[in-house]
mmCIF file of all heavy atoms, coordinates in Angstrom:
data_MODEL
# 
_entry.id   MODEL 
# 
loop_
_atom_site.group_PDB 
_atom_site.id 
_atom_site.type_symbol 
_atom_site.label_atom_id 
_atom_site.label_alt_id 
_atom_site.label_comp_id 
_atom_site.label_asym_id 
_atom_site.label_entity_id 
_atom_site.label_seq_id 
_atom_site.pdbx_PDB_ins_code 
_atom_site.Cartn_x 
_atom_site.Cartn_y 
_atom_site.Cartn_z 
_atom_site.occupancy 
_atom_site.B_iso_or_equiv 
_atom_site.pdbx_formal_charge 
_atom_site.auth_seq_id 
_atom_site.auth_comp_id 
_atom_site.auth_asym_id 
_atom_site.auth_atom_id 
_atom_site.pdbx_PDB_model_num 
ATOM 1   N N   . ALA A 1 1  ? -8.315  3.276   4.051   1.00 0.00 ? 1  ALA A N   1 
ATOM 2   C CA  . ALA A 1 1  ? -9.264  3.956   3.153   1.00 0.00 ? 1  ALA A CA  1 
ATOM 3   C C   . ALA A 1 1  ? -8.576  4.640   1.978   1.00 0.00 ? 1  ALA A C   1 
ATOM 4   O O   . ALA A 1 1  ? -9.132  4.702   0.882   1.00 0.00 ? 1  ALA A O   1 
ATOM 5   C CB  . ALA A 1 1  ? -10.065 4.991   3.949   1.00 0.00 ? 1  ALA A CB  1 
ATOM 6   N N   . PHE A 1 2  ? -7.363  5.150   2.189   1.00 0.00 ? 2  PHE A N   1 
ATOM 7   C CA  . PHE A 1 2  ? -6.740  6.015   1.189   1.00 0.00 ? 2  PHE A CA  1 
ATOM 8   C C   . PHE A 1 2  ? -5.714  5.324   0.291   1.00 0.00 ? 2  PHE A C   1 
ATOM 9   O O   . PHE A 1 2  ? -5.227  5.937   -0.660  1.00 0.00 ? 2  PHE A O   1 
ATOM 10  C CB  . PHE A 1 2  ? -6.055  7.206   1.872   1.00 0.00 ? 2  PHE A CB  1 
ATOM 11  C CG  . PHE A 1 2  ? -6.999  8.096   2.648   1.00 0.00 ? 2  PHE A CG  1 
ATOM 12  C CD1 . PHE A 1 2  ? -6.531  8.873   3.686   1.00 0.00 ? 2  PHE A CD1 1 
ATOM 13  C CD2 . PHE A 1 2  ? -8.347  8.144   2.335   1.00 0.00 ? 2  PHE A CD2 1 
ATOM 14  C CE1 . PHE A 1 2  ? -7.391  9.695   4.406   1.00 0.00 ? 2  PHE A CE1 1 
ATOM 15  C CE2 . PHE A 1 2  ? -9.218  8.956   3.044   1.00 0.00 ? 2  PHE A CE2 1 
ATOM 16  C CZ  . PHE A 1 2  ? -8.739  9.734   4.089   1.00 0.00 ? 2  PHE A CZ  1 
ATOM 17  N N   . VAL A 1 3  ? -5.372  4.089   0.569   1.00 0.00 ? 3  VAL A N   1 
ATOM 18  C CA  . VAL A 1 3  ? -4.404  3.397   -0.292  1.00 0.00 ? 3  VAL A CA  1 
ATOM 19  C C   . VAL A 1 3  ? -4.998  3.230   -1.690  1.00 0.00 ? 3  VAL A C   1 
ATOM 20  O O   . VAL A 1 3  ? -6.155  2.806   -1.847  1.00 0.00 ? 3  VAL A O   1 
ATOM 21  C CB  . VAL A 1 3  ? -4.029  2.022   0.294   1.00 0.00 ? 3  VAL A CB  1 
ATOM 22  C CG1 . VAL A 1 3  ? -3.378  1.138   -0.772  1.00 0.00 ? 3  VAL A CG1 1 
ATOM 23  C CG2 . VAL A 1 3  ? -3.065  2.192   1.467   1.00 0.00 ? 3  VAL A CG2 1 
ATOM 24  N N   . ARG A 1 4  ? -4.214  3.583   -2.721  1.00 0.00 ? 4  ARG A N   1 
ATOM 25  C CA  . ARG A 1 4  ? -4.629  3.416   -4.113  1.00 0.00 ? 4  ARG A CA  1 
ATOM 26  C C   . ARG A 1 4  ? -3.576  2.582   -4.823  1.00 0.00 ? 4  ARG A C   1 
ATOM 27  O O   . ARG A 1 4  ? -2.405  2.957   -4.890  1.00 0.00 ? 4  ARG A O   1 
ATOM 28  C CB  . ARG A 1 4  ? -4.762  4.776   -4.810  1.00 0.00 ? 4  ARG A CB  1 
ATOM 29  C CG  . ARG A 1 4  ? -5.840  5.681   -4.218  1.00 0.00 ? 4  ARG A CG  1 
ATOM 30  C CD  . ARG A 1 4  ? -7.241  5.163   -4.485  1.00 0.00 ? 4  ARG A CD  1 
ATOM 31  N NE  . ARG A 1 4  ? -8.256  6.094   -4.020  1.00 0.00 ? 4  ARG A NE  1 
ATOM 32  C CZ  . ARG A 1 4  ? -8.822  6.063   -2.811  1.00 0.00 ? 4  ARG A CZ  1 
ATOM 33  N NH1 . ARG A 1 4  ? -8.461  5.118   -1.950  1.00 0.00 ? 4  ARG A NH1 1 
ATOM 34  N NH2 . ARG A 1 4  ? -9.748  6.943   -2.481  1.00 0.00 ? 4  ARG A NH2 1 
ATOM 35  N N   . PHE A 1 5  ? -3.996  1.449   -5.360  1.00 0.00 ? 5  PHE A N   1 
ATOM 36  C CA  . PHE A 1 5  ? -3.075  0.550   -6.044  1.00 0.00 ? 5  PHE A CA  1 
ATOM 37  C C   . PHE A 1 5  ? -2.972  0.903   -7.525  1.00 0.00 ? 5  PHE A C   1 
ATOM 38  O O   . PHE A 1 5  ? -3.929  1.372   -8.136  1.00 0.00 ? 5  PHE A O   1 
ATOM 39  C CB  . PHE A 1 5  ? -3.542  -0.900  -5.908  1.00 0.00 ? 5  PHE A CB  1 
ATOM 40  C CG  . PHE A 1 5  ? -3.363  -1.478  -4.539  1.00 0.00 ? 5  PHE A CG  1 
ATOM 41  C CD1 . PHE A 1 5  ? -4.430  -1.544  -3.663  1.00 0.00 ? 5  PHE A CD1 1 
ATOM 42  C CD2 . PHE A 1 5  ? -2.131  -1.946  -4.116  1.00 0.00 ? 5  PHE A CD2 1 
ATOM 43  C CE1 . PHE A 1 5  ? -4.280  -2.081  -2.392  1.00 0.00 ? 5  PHE A CE1 1 
ATOM 44  C CE2 . PHE A 1 5  ? -1.963  -2.483  -2.863  1.00 0.00 ? 5  PHE A CE2 1 
ATOM 45  C CZ  . PHE A 1 5  ? -3.043  -2.553  -1.996  1.00 0.00 ? 5  PHE A CZ  1 
ATOM 46  N N   . ARG A 1 6  ? -1.784  0.644   -8.070  1.00 0.00 ? 6  ARG A N   1 
ATOM 47  C CA  . ARG A 1 6  ? -1.544  0.798   -9.504  1.00 0.00 ? 6  ARG A CA  1 
ATOM 48  C C   . ARG A 1 6  ? -0.942  -0.506  -10.013 1.00 0.00 ? 6  ARG A C   1 
ATOM 49  O O   . ARG A 1 6  ? -0.043  -1.079  -9.389  1.00 0.00 ? 6  ARG A O   1 
ATOM 50  C CB  . ARG A 1 6  ? -0.594  1.963   -9.760  1.00 0.00 ? 6  ARG A CB  1 
ATOM 51  C CG  . ARG A 1 6  ? -1.082  3.291   -9.181  1.00 0.00 ? 6  ARG A CG  1 
ATOM 52  C CD  . ARG A 1 6  ? -0.017  4.357   -9.202  1.00 0.00 ? 6  ARG A CD  1 
ATOM 53  N NE  . ARG A 1 6  ? 0.270   4.804   -10.556 1.00 0.00 ? 6  ARG A NE  1 
ATOM 54  C CZ  . ARG A 1 6  ? 1.261   5.653   -10.852 1.00 0.00 ? 6  ARG A CZ  1 
ATOM 55  N NH1 . ARG A 1 6  ? 2.069   6.094   -9.902  1.00 0.00 ? 6  ARG A NH1 1 
ATOM 56  N NH2 . ARG A 1 6  ? 1.447   6.040   -12.096 1.00 0.00 ? 6  ARG A NH2 1 
ATOM 57  N N   . LEU A 1 7  ? -1.433  -0.978  -11.137 1.00 0.00 ? 7  LEU A N   1 
ATOM 58  C CA  . LEU A 1 7  ? -0.969  -2.250  -11.689 1.00 0.00 ? 7  LEU A CA  1 
ATOM 59  C C   . LEU A 1 7  ? 0.329   -2.046  -12.458 1.00 0.00 ? 7  LEU A C   1 
ATOM 60  O O   . LEU A 1 7  ? 0.406   -1.220  -13.366 1.00 0.00 ? 7  LEU A O   1 
ATOM 61  C CB  . LEU A 1 7  ? -2.031  -2.838  -12.619 1.00 0.00 ? 7  LEU A CB  1 
ATOM 62  C CG  . LEU A 1 7  ? -1.706  -4.193  -13.263 1.00 0.00 ? 7  LEU A CG  1 
ATOM 63  C CD1 . LEU A 1 7  ? -1.524  -5.264  -12.192 1.00 0.00 ? 7  LEU A CD1 1 
ATOM 64  C CD2 . LEU A 1 7  ? -2.809  -4.583  -14.242 1.00 0.00 ? 7  LEU A CD2 1 
ATOM 65  N N   . ILE A 1 8  ? 1.374   -2.808  -12.084 1.00 0.00 ? 8  ILE A N   1 
ATOM 66  C CA  . ILE A 1 8  ? 2.636   -2.737  -12.811 1.00 0.00 ? 8  ILE A CA  1 
ATOM 67  C C   . ILE A 1 8  ? 2.722   -3.915  -13.779 1.00 0.00 ? 8  ILE A C   1 
ATOM 68  O O   . ILE A 1 8  ? 1.889   -4.823  -13.764 1.00 0.00 ? 8  ILE A O   1 
ATOM 69  C CB  . ILE A 1 8  ? 3.849   -2.715  -11.857 1.00 0.00 ? 8  ILE A CB  1 
ATOM 70  C CG1 . ILE A 1 8  ? 3.895   -3.974  -10.982 1.00 0.00 ? 8  ILE A CG1 1 
ATOM 71  C CG2 . ILE A 1 8  ? 3.816   -1.474  -10.982 1.00 0.00 ? 8  ILE A CG2 1 
ATOM 72  C CD1 . ILE A 1 8  ? 5.133   -4.036  -10.094 1.00 0.00 ? 8  ILE A CD1 1 
ATOM 73  N N   . ALA A 1 9  ? 3.719   -3.896  -14.614 1.00 0.00 ? 9  ALA A N   1 
ATOM 74  C CA  . ALA A 1 9  ? 3.790   -4.795  -15.766 1.00 0.00 ? 9  ALA A CA  1 
ATOM 75  C C   . ALA A 1 9  ? 3.824   -6.276  -15.402 1.00 0.00 ? 9  ALA A C   1 
ATOM 76  O O   . ALA A 1 9  ? 3.424   -7.111  -16.189 1.00 0.00 ? 9  ALA A O   1 
ATOM 77  C CB  . ALA A 1 9  ? 4.997   -4.441  -16.629 1.00 0.00 ? 9  ALA A CB  1 
ATOM 78  N N   . ASP A 1 10 ? 4.336   -6.616  -14.218 1.00 0.00 ? 10 ASP A N   1 
ATOM 79  C CA  . ASP A 1 10 ? 4.416   -8.037  -13.874 1.00 0.00 ? 10 ASP A CA  1 
ATOM 80  C C   . ASP A 1 10 ? 3.229   -8.493  -13.026 1.00 0.00 ? 10 ASP A C   1 
ATOM 81  O O   . ASP A 1 10 ? 3.333   -9.400  -12.210 1.00 0.00 ? 10 ASP A O   1 
ATOM 82  C CB  . ASP A 1 10 ? 5.723   -8.365  -13.158 1.00 0.00 ? 10 ASP A CB  1 
ATOM 83  C CG  . ASP A 1 10 ? 6.009   -7.412  -12.016 1.00 0.00 ? 10 ASP A CG  1 
ATOM 84  O OD1 . ASP A 1 10 ? 5.185   -6.513  -11.794 1.00 0.00 ? 10 ASP A OD1 1 
ATOM 85  O OD2 . ASP A 1 10 ? 7.048   -7.569  -11.358 1.00 0.00 ? 10 ASP A OD2 1 
ATOM 86  N N   . SER A 1 11 ? 2.065   -7.847  -13.239 1.00 0.00 ? 11 SER A N   1 
ATOM 87  C CA  . SER A 1 11 ? 0.790   -8.261  -12.626 1.00 0.00 ? 11 SER A CA  1 
ATOM 88  C C   . SER A 1 11 ? 0.786   -8.166  -11.103 1.00 0.00 ? 11 SER A C   1 
ATOM 89  O O   . SER A 1 11 ? 0.171   -8.979  -10.413 1.00 0.00 ? 11 SER A O   1 
ATOM 90  C CB  . SER A 1 11 ? 0.438   -9.694  -13.053 1.00 0.00 ? 11 SER A CB  1 
ATOM 91  O OG  . SER A 1 11 ? 0.307   -9.763  -14.446 1.00 0.00 ? 11 SER A OG  1 
ATOM 92  N N   . VAL A 1 12 ? 1.474   -7.178  -10.574 1.00 0.00 ? 12 VAL A N   1 
ATOM 93  C CA  . VAL A 1 12 ? 1.451   -6.899  -9.143  1.00 0.00 ? 12 VAL A CA  1 
ATOM 94  C C   . VAL A 1 12 ? 0.856   -5.508  -8.949  1.00 0.00 ? 12 VAL A C   1 
ATOM 95  O O   . VAL A 1 12 ? 1.234   -4.565  -9.643  1.00 0.00 ? 12 VAL A O   1 
ATOM 96  C CB  . VAL A 1 12 ? 2.869   -6.950  -8.530  1.00 0.00 ? 12 VAL A CB  1 
ATOM 97  C CG1 . VAL A 1 12 ? 2.829   -6.589  -7.046  1.00 0.00 ? 12 VAL A CG1 1 
ATOM 98  C CG2 . VAL A 1 12 ? 3.489   -8.325  -8.723  1.00 0.00 ? 12 VAL A CG2 1 
ATOM 99  N N   . PHE A 1 13 ? -0.072  -5.395  -8.028  1.00 0.00 ? 13 PHE A N   1 
ATOM 100 C CA  . PHE A 1 13 ? -0.655  -4.100  -7.699  1.00 0.00 ? 13 PHE A CA  1 
ATOM 101 C C   . PHE A 1 13 ? 0.190   -3.446  -6.612  1.00 0.00 ? 13 PHE A C   1 
ATOM 102 O O   . PHE A 1 13 ? 0.436   -4.051  -5.567  1.00 0.00 ? 13 PHE A O   1 
ATOM 103 C CB  . PHE A 1 13 ? -2.100  -4.264  -7.230  1.00 0.00 ? 13 PHE A CB  1 
ATOM 104 C CG  . PHE A 1 13 ? -3.047  -4.628  -8.340  1.00 0.00 ? 13 PHE A CG  1 
ATOM 105 C CD1 . PHE A 1 13 ? -3.223  -5.957  -8.712  1.00 0.00 ? 13 PHE A CD1 1 
ATOM 106 C CD2 . PHE A 1 13 ? -3.749  -3.645  -9.026  1.00 0.00 ? 13 PHE A CD2 1 
ATOM 107 C CE1 . PHE A 1 13 ? -4.095  -6.300  -9.737  1.00 0.00 ? 13 PHE A CE1 1 
ATOM 108 C CE2 . PHE A 1 13 ? -4.624  -3.976  -10.051 1.00 0.00 ? 13 PHE A CE2 1 
ATOM 109 C CZ  . PHE A 1 13 ? -4.790  -5.306  -10.417 1.00 0.00 ? 13 PHE A CZ  1 
ATOM 110 N N   . VAL A 1 14 ? 0.629   -2.219  -6.868  1.00 0.00 ? 14 VAL A N   1 
ATOM 111 C CA  . VAL A 1 14 ? 1.569   -1.542  -5.973  1.00 0.00 ? 14 VAL A CA  1 
ATOM 112 C C   . VAL A 1 14 ? 0.982   -0.215  -5.501  1.00 0.00 ? 14 VAL A C   1 
ATOM 113 O O   . VAL A 1 14 ? 0.336   0.506   -6.269  1.00 0.00 ? 14 VAL A O   1 
ATOM 114 C CB  . VAL A 1 14 ? 2.923   -1.296  -6.681  1.00 0.00 ? 14 VAL A CB  1 
ATOM 115 C CG1 . VAL A 1 14 ? 3.894   -0.553  -5.764  1.00 0.00 ? 14 VAL A CG1 1 
ATOM 116 C CG2 . VAL A 1 14 ? 3.534   -2.613  -7.130  1.00 0.00 ? 14 VAL A CG2 1 
ATOM 117 N N   . ALA A 1 15 ? 1.209   0.092   -4.224  1.00 0.00 ? 15 ALA A N   1 
ATOM 118 C CA  . ALA A 1 15 ? 0.784   1.373   -3.667  1.00 0.00 ? 15 ALA A CA  1 
ATOM 119 C C   . ALA A 1 15 ? 1.906   1.933   -2.805  1.00 0.00 ? 15 ALA A C   1 
ATOM 120 O O   . ALA A 1 15 ? 2.674   1.174   -2.208  1.00 0.00 ? 15 ALA A O   1 
ATOM 121 C CB  . ALA A 1 15 ? -0.476  1.197   -2.830  1.00 0.00 ? 15 ALA A CB  1 
ATOM 122 N N   . GLU A 1 16 ? 2.000   3.252   -2.761  1.00 0.00 ? 16 GLU A N   1 
ATOM 123 C CA  . GLU A 1 16 ? 2.971   3.920   -1.899  1.00 0.00 ? 16 GLU A CA  1 
ATOM 124 C C   . GLU A 1 16 ? 2.233   4.771   -0.872  1.00 0.00 ? 16 GLU A C   1 
ATOM 125 O O   . GLU A 1 16 ? 1.216   5.388   -1.187  1.00 0.00 ? 16 GLU A O   1 
ATOM 126 C CB  . GLU A 1 16 ? 3.904   4.808   -2.721  1.00 0.00 ? 16 GLU A CB  1 
ATOM 127 C CG  . GLU A 1 16 ? 4.868   4.025   -3.588  1.00 0.00 ? 16 GLU A CG  1 
ATOM 128 C CD  . GLU A 1 16 ? 5.934   4.922   -4.185  1.00 0.00 ? 16 GLU A CD  1 
ATOM 129 O OE1 . GLU A 1 16 ? 5.575   5.775   -5.014  1.00 0.00 ? 16 GLU A OE1 1 
ATOM 130 O OE2 . GLU A 1 16 ? 7.107   4.784   -3.812  1.00 0.00 ? 16 GLU A OE2 1 
ATOM 131 N N   . ILE A 1 17 ? 2.761   4.784   0.352   1.00 0.00 ? 17 ILE A N   1 
ATOM 132 C CA  . ILE A 1 17 ? 2.167   5.573   1.422   1.00 0.00 ? 17 ILE A CA  1 
ATOM 133 C C   . ILE A 1 17 ? 3.274   6.227   2.244   1.00 0.00 ? 17 ILE A C   1 
ATOM 134 O O   . ILE A 1 17 ? 4.437   5.816   2.174   1.00 0.00 ? 17 ILE A O   1 
ATOM 135 C CB  . ILE A 1 17 ? 1.274   4.712   2.351   1.00 0.00 ? 17 ILE A CB  1 
ATOM 136 C CG1 . ILE A 1 17 ? 2.106   3.582   3.005   1.00 0.00 ? 17 ILE A CG1 1 
ATOM 137 C CG2 . ILE A 1 17 ? 0.085   4.139   1.600   1.00 0.00 ? 17 ILE A CG2 1 
ATOM 138 C CD1 . ILE A 1 17 ? 1.322   2.772   4.028   1.00 0.00 ? 17 ILE A CD1 1 
ATOM 139 N N   . GLU A 1 18 ? 2.909   7.240   3.007   1.00 0.00 ? 18 GLU A N   1 
ATOM 140 C CA  . GLU A 1 18 ? 3.826   7.888   3.946   1.00 0.00 ? 18 GLU A CA  1 
ATOM 141 C C   . GLU A 1 18 ? 3.058   8.201   5.226   1.00 0.00 ? 18 GLU A C   1 
ATOM 142 O O   . GLU A 1 18 ? 2.792   9.359   5.539   1.00 0.00 ? 18 GLU A O   1 
ATOM 143 C CB  . GLU A 1 18 ? 4.402   9.181   3.358   1.00 0.00 ? 18 GLU A CB  1 
ATOM 144 C CG  . GLU A 1 18 ? 5.407   8.989   2.244   1.00 0.00 ? 18 GLU A CG  1 
ATOM 145 C CD  . GLU A 1 18 ? 6.004   10.307  1.776   1.00 0.00 ? 18 GLU A CD  1 
ATOM 146 O OE1 . GLU A 1 18 ? 6.704   10.957  2.589   1.00 0.00 ? 18 GLU A OE1 1 
ATOM 147 O OE2 . GLU A 1 18 ? 5.751   10.692  0.619   1.00 0.00 ? 18 GLU A OE2 1 
ATOM 148 N N   . PRO A 1 19 ? 2.681   7.186   5.984   1.00 0.00 ? 19 PRO A N   1 
ATOM 149 C CA  . PRO A 1 19 ? 1.877   7.427   7.191   1.00 0.00 ? 19 PRO A CA  1 
ATOM 150 C C   . PRO A 1 19 ? 2.670   8.150   8.273   1.00 0.00 ? 19 PRO A C   1 
ATOM 151 O O   . PRO A 1 19 ? 3.894   8.043   8.348   1.00 0.00 ? 19 PRO A O   1 
ATOM 152 C CB  . PRO A 1 19 ? 1.500   6.013   7.644   1.00 0.00 ? 19 PRO A CB  1 
ATOM 153 C CG  . PRO A 1 19 ? 2.578   5.135   7.092   1.00 0.00 ? 19 PRO A CG  1 
ATOM 154 C CD  . PRO A 1 19 ? 2.963   5.757   5.781   1.00 0.00 ? 19 PRO A CD  1 
ATOM 155 N N   . ASP A 1 20 ? 1.950   8.884   9.105   1.00 0.00 ? 20 ASP A N   1 
ATOM 156 C CA  . ASP A 1 20 ? 2.594   9.585   10.209  1.00 0.00 ? 20 ASP A CA  1 
ATOM 157 C C   . ASP A 1 20 ? 3.171   8.598   11.221  1.00 0.00 ? 20 ASP A C   1 
ATOM 158 O O   . ASP A 1 20 ? 4.179   8.887   11.868  1.00 0.00 ? 20 ASP A O   1 
ATOM 159 C CB  . ASP A 1 20 ? 1.583   10.497  10.920  1.00 0.00 ? 20 ASP A CB  1 
ATOM 160 C CG  . ASP A 1 20 ? 1.211   11.713  10.089  1.00 0.00 ? 20 ASP A CG  1 
ATOM 161 O OD1 . ASP A 1 20 ? 1.938   12.017  9.119   1.00 0.00 ? 20 ASP A OD1 1 
ATOM 162 O OD2 . ASP A 1 20 ? 0.200   12.359  10.404  1.00 0.00 ? 20 ASP A OD2 1 
ATOM 163 N N   . PHE A 1 21 ? 2.519   7.455   11.359  1.00 0.00 ? 21 PHE A N   1 
ATOM 164 C CA  . PHE A 1 21 ? 2.958   6.442   12.317  1.00 0.00 ? 21 PHE A CA  1 
ATOM 165 C C   . PHE A 1 21 ? 3.240   5.134   11.583  1.00 0.00 ? 21 PHE A C   1 
ATOM 166 O O   . PHE A 1 21 ? 2.779   4.915   10.462  1.00 0.00 ? 21 PHE A O   1 
ATOM 167 C CB  . PHE A 1 21 ? 1.890   6.222   13.397  1.00 0.00 ? 21 PHE A CB  1 
ATOM 168 C CG  . PHE A 1 21 ? 1.428   7.504   14.048  1.00 0.00 ? 21 PHE A CG  1 
ATOM 169 C CD1 . PHE A 1 21 ? 0.131   7.971   13.851  1.00 0.00 ? 21 PHE A CD1 1 
ATOM 170 C CD2 . PHE A 1 21 ? 2.286   8.250   14.821  1.00 0.00 ? 21 PHE A CD2 1 
ATOM 171 C CE1 . PHE A 1 21 ? -0.297  9.156   14.427  1.00 0.00 ? 21 PHE A CE1 1 
ATOM 172 C CE2 . PHE A 1 21 ? 1.872   9.446   15.409  1.00 0.00 ? 21 PHE A CE2 1 
ATOM 173 C CZ  . PHE A 1 21 ? 0.583   9.896   15.206  1.00 0.00 ? 21 PHE A CZ  1 
ATOM 174 N N   . ASN A 1 22 ? 3.961   4.260   12.239  1.00 0.00 ? 22 ASN A N   1 
ATOM 175 C CA  . ASN A 1 22 ? 4.376   3.009   11.599  1.00 0.00 ? 22 ASN A CA  1 
ATOM 176 C C   . ASN A 1 22 ? 3.237   1.984   11.625  1.00 0.00 ? 22 ASN A C   1 
ATOM 177 O O   . ASN A 1 22 ? 3.272   1.004   12.378  1.00 0.00 ? 22 ASN A O   1 
ATOM 178 C CB  . ASN A 1 22 ? 5.610   2.456   12.317  1.00 0.00 ? 22 ASN A CB  1 
ATOM 179 C CG  . ASN A 1 22 ? 6.164   1.215   11.644  1.00 0.00 ? 22 ASN A CG  1 
ATOM 180 O OD1 . ASN A 1 22 ? 5.904   0.962   10.460  1.00 0.00 ? 22 ASN A OD1 1 
ATOM 181 N ND2 . ASN A 1 22 ? 6.919   0.420   12.387  1.00 0.00 ? 22 ASN A ND2 1 
ATOM 182 N N   . VAL A 1 23 ? 2.234   2.194   10.779  1.00 0.00 ? 23 VAL A N   1 
ATOM 183 C CA  . VAL A 1 23 ? 1.039   1.352   10.810  1.00 0.00 ? 23 VAL A CA  1 
ATOM 184 C C   . VAL A 1 23 ? 1.134   0.116   9.923   1.00 0.00 ? 23 VAL A C   1 
ATOM 185 O O   . VAL A 1 23 ? 0.207   -0.699  9.901   1.00 0.00 ? 23 VAL A O   1 
ATOM 186 C CB  . VAL A 1 23 ? -0.212  2.162   10.412  1.00 0.00 ? 23 VAL A CB  1 
ATOM 187 C CG1 . VAL A 1 23 ? -0.469  3.274   11.413  1.00 0.00 ? 23 VAL A CG1 1 
ATOM 188 C CG2 . VAL A 1 23 ? -0.078  2.716   9.000   1.00 0.00 ? 23 VAL A CG2 1 
ATOM 189 N N   . MET A 1 24 ? 2.221   -0.035  9.200   1.00 0.00 ? 24 MET A N   1 
ATOM 190 C CA  . MET A 1 24 ? 2.330   -1.155  8.267   1.00 0.00 ? 24 MET A CA  1 
ATOM 191 C C   . MET A 1 24 ? 2.015   -2.514  8.909   1.00 0.00 ? 24 MET A C   1 
ATOM 192 O O   . MET A 1 24 ? 1.257   -3.314  8.334   1.00 0.00 ? 24 MET A O   1 
ATOM 193 C CB  . MET A 1 24 ? 3.723   -1.169  7.635   1.00 0.00 ? 24 MET A CB  1 
ATOM 194 C CG  . MET A 1 24 ? 3.829   -2.055  6.419   1.00 0.00 ? 24 MET A CG  1 
ATOM 195 S SD  . MET A 1 24 ? 3.004   -1.345  4.972   1.00 0.00 ? 24 MET A SD  1 
ATOM 196 C CE  . MET A 1 24 ? 4.234   -0.185  4.436   1.00 0.00 ? 24 MET A CE  1 
ATOM 197 N N   . PRO A 1 25 ? 2.560   -2.818  10.094  1.00 0.00 ? 25 PRO A N   1 
ATOM 198 C CA  . PRO A 1 25 ? 2.274   -4.129  10.683  1.00 0.00 ? 25 PRO A CA  1 
ATOM 199 C C   . PRO A 1 25 ? 0.809   -4.363  11.021  1.00 0.00 ? 25 PRO A C   1 
ATOM 200 O O   . PRO A 1 25 ? 0.384   -5.515  11.137  1.00 0.00 ? 25 PRO A O   1 
ATOM 201 C CB  . PRO A 1 25 ? 3.134   -4.130  11.960  1.00 0.00 ? 25 PRO A CB  1 
ATOM 202 C CG  . PRO A 1 25 ? 4.197   -3.116  11.725  1.00 0.00 ? 25 PRO A CG  1 
ATOM 203 C CD  . PRO A 1 25 ? 3.537   -2.057  10.894  1.00 0.00 ? 25 PRO A CD  1 
ATOM 204 N N   . ILE A 1 26 ? 0.019   -3.298  11.180  1.00 0.00 ? 26 ILE A N   1 
ATOM 205 C CA  . ILE A 1 26 ? -1.363  -3.486  11.621  1.00 0.00 ? 26 ILE A CA  1 
ATOM 206 C C   . ILE A 1 26 ? -2.389  -3.271  10.510  1.00 0.00 ? 26 ILE A C   1 
ATOM 207 O O   . ILE A 1 26 ? -3.591  -3.365  10.758  1.00 0.00 ? 26 ILE A O   1 
ATOM 208 C CB  . ILE A 1 26 ? -1.692  -2.584  12.832  1.00 0.00 ? 26 ILE A CB  1 
ATOM 209 C CG1 . ILE A 1 26 ? -1.466  -1.106  12.506  1.00 0.00 ? 26 ILE A CG1 1 
ATOM 210 C CG2 . ILE A 1 26 ? -0.875  -3.014  14.043  1.00 0.00 ? 26 ILE A CG2 1 
ATOM 211 C CD1 . ILE A 1 26 ? -1.873  -0.160  13.639  1.00 0.00 ? 26 ILE A CD1 1 
ATOM 212 N N   . ILE A 1 27 ? -1.932  -3.001  9.286   1.00 0.00 ? 27 ILE A N   1 
ATOM 213 C CA  . ILE A 1 27 ? -2.878  -2.912  8.166   1.00 0.00 ? 27 ILE A CA  1 
ATOM 214 C C   . ILE A 1 27 ? -2.806  -4.153  7.273   1.00 0.00 ? 27 ILE A C   1 
ATOM 215 O O   . ILE A 1 27 ? -3.626  -4.313  6.376   1.00 0.00 ? 27 ILE A O   1 
ATOM 216 C CB  . ILE A 1 27 ? -2.656  -1.644  7.315   1.00 0.00 ? 27 ILE A CB  1 
ATOM 217 C CG1 . ILE A 1 27 ? -1.287  -1.673  6.630   1.00 0.00 ? 27 ILE A CG1 1 
ATOM 218 C CG2 . ILE A 1 27 ? -2.845  -0.390  8.163   1.00 0.00 ? 27 ILE A CG2 1 
ATOM 219 C CD1 . ILE A 1 27 ? -1.067  -0.512  5.656   1.00 0.00 ? 27 ILE A CD1 1 
ATOM 220 N N   . ALA A 1 28 ? -1.836  -5.019  7.534   1.00 0.00 ? 28 ALA A N   1 
ATOM 221 C CA  . ALA A 1 28 ? -1.642  -6.200  6.678   1.00 0.00 ? 28 ALA A CA  1 
ATOM 222 C C   . ALA A 1 28 ? -2.893  -7.079  6.635   1.00 0.00 ? 28 ALA A C   1 
ATOM 223 O O   . ALA A 1 28 ? -3.307  -7.542  5.560   1.00 0.00 ? 28 ALA A O   1 
ATOM 224 C CB  . ALA A 1 28 ? -0.438  -7.000  7.165   1.00 0.00 ? 28 ALA A CB  1 
ATOM 225 N N   . LYS A 1 29 ? -3.514  -7.320  7.781   1.00 0.00 ? 29 LYS A N   1 
ATOM 226 C CA  . LYS A 1 29 ? -4.685  -8.199  7.849   1.00 0.00 ? 29 LYS A CA  1 
ATOM 227 C C   . LYS A 1 29 ? -5.823  -7.670  6.985   1.00 0.00 ? 29 LYS A C   1 
ATOM 228 O O   . LYS A 1 29 ? -6.474  -8.427  6.250   1.00 0.00 ? 29 LYS A O   1 
ATOM 229 C CB  . LYS A 1 29 ? -5.144  -8.350  9.301   1.00 0.00 ? 29 LYS A CB  1 
ATOM 230 C CG  . LYS A 1 29 ? -6.334  -9.273  9.472   1.00 0.00 ? 29 LYS A CG  1 
ATOM 231 C CD  . LYS A 1 29 ? -6.711  -9.394  10.948  1.00 0.00 ? 29 LYS A CD  1 
ATOM 232 C CE  . LYS A 1 29 ? -7.929  -10.297 11.129  1.00 0.00 ? 29 LYS A CE  1 
ATOM 233 N NZ  . LYS A 1 29 ? -8.312  -10.408 12.571  1.00 0.00 ? 29 LYS A NZ  1 
# 
C-alpha cells in the first residue's frame, strides 16, 4: 500500500523501502 514510485531518467520507476521484516520476496507477485 505504501510503496511510492519515482520515475528516473532511463524510464525506470524506482521506490525505496525499509520494512521491519524481509518482505521483499513475498511482495514481488
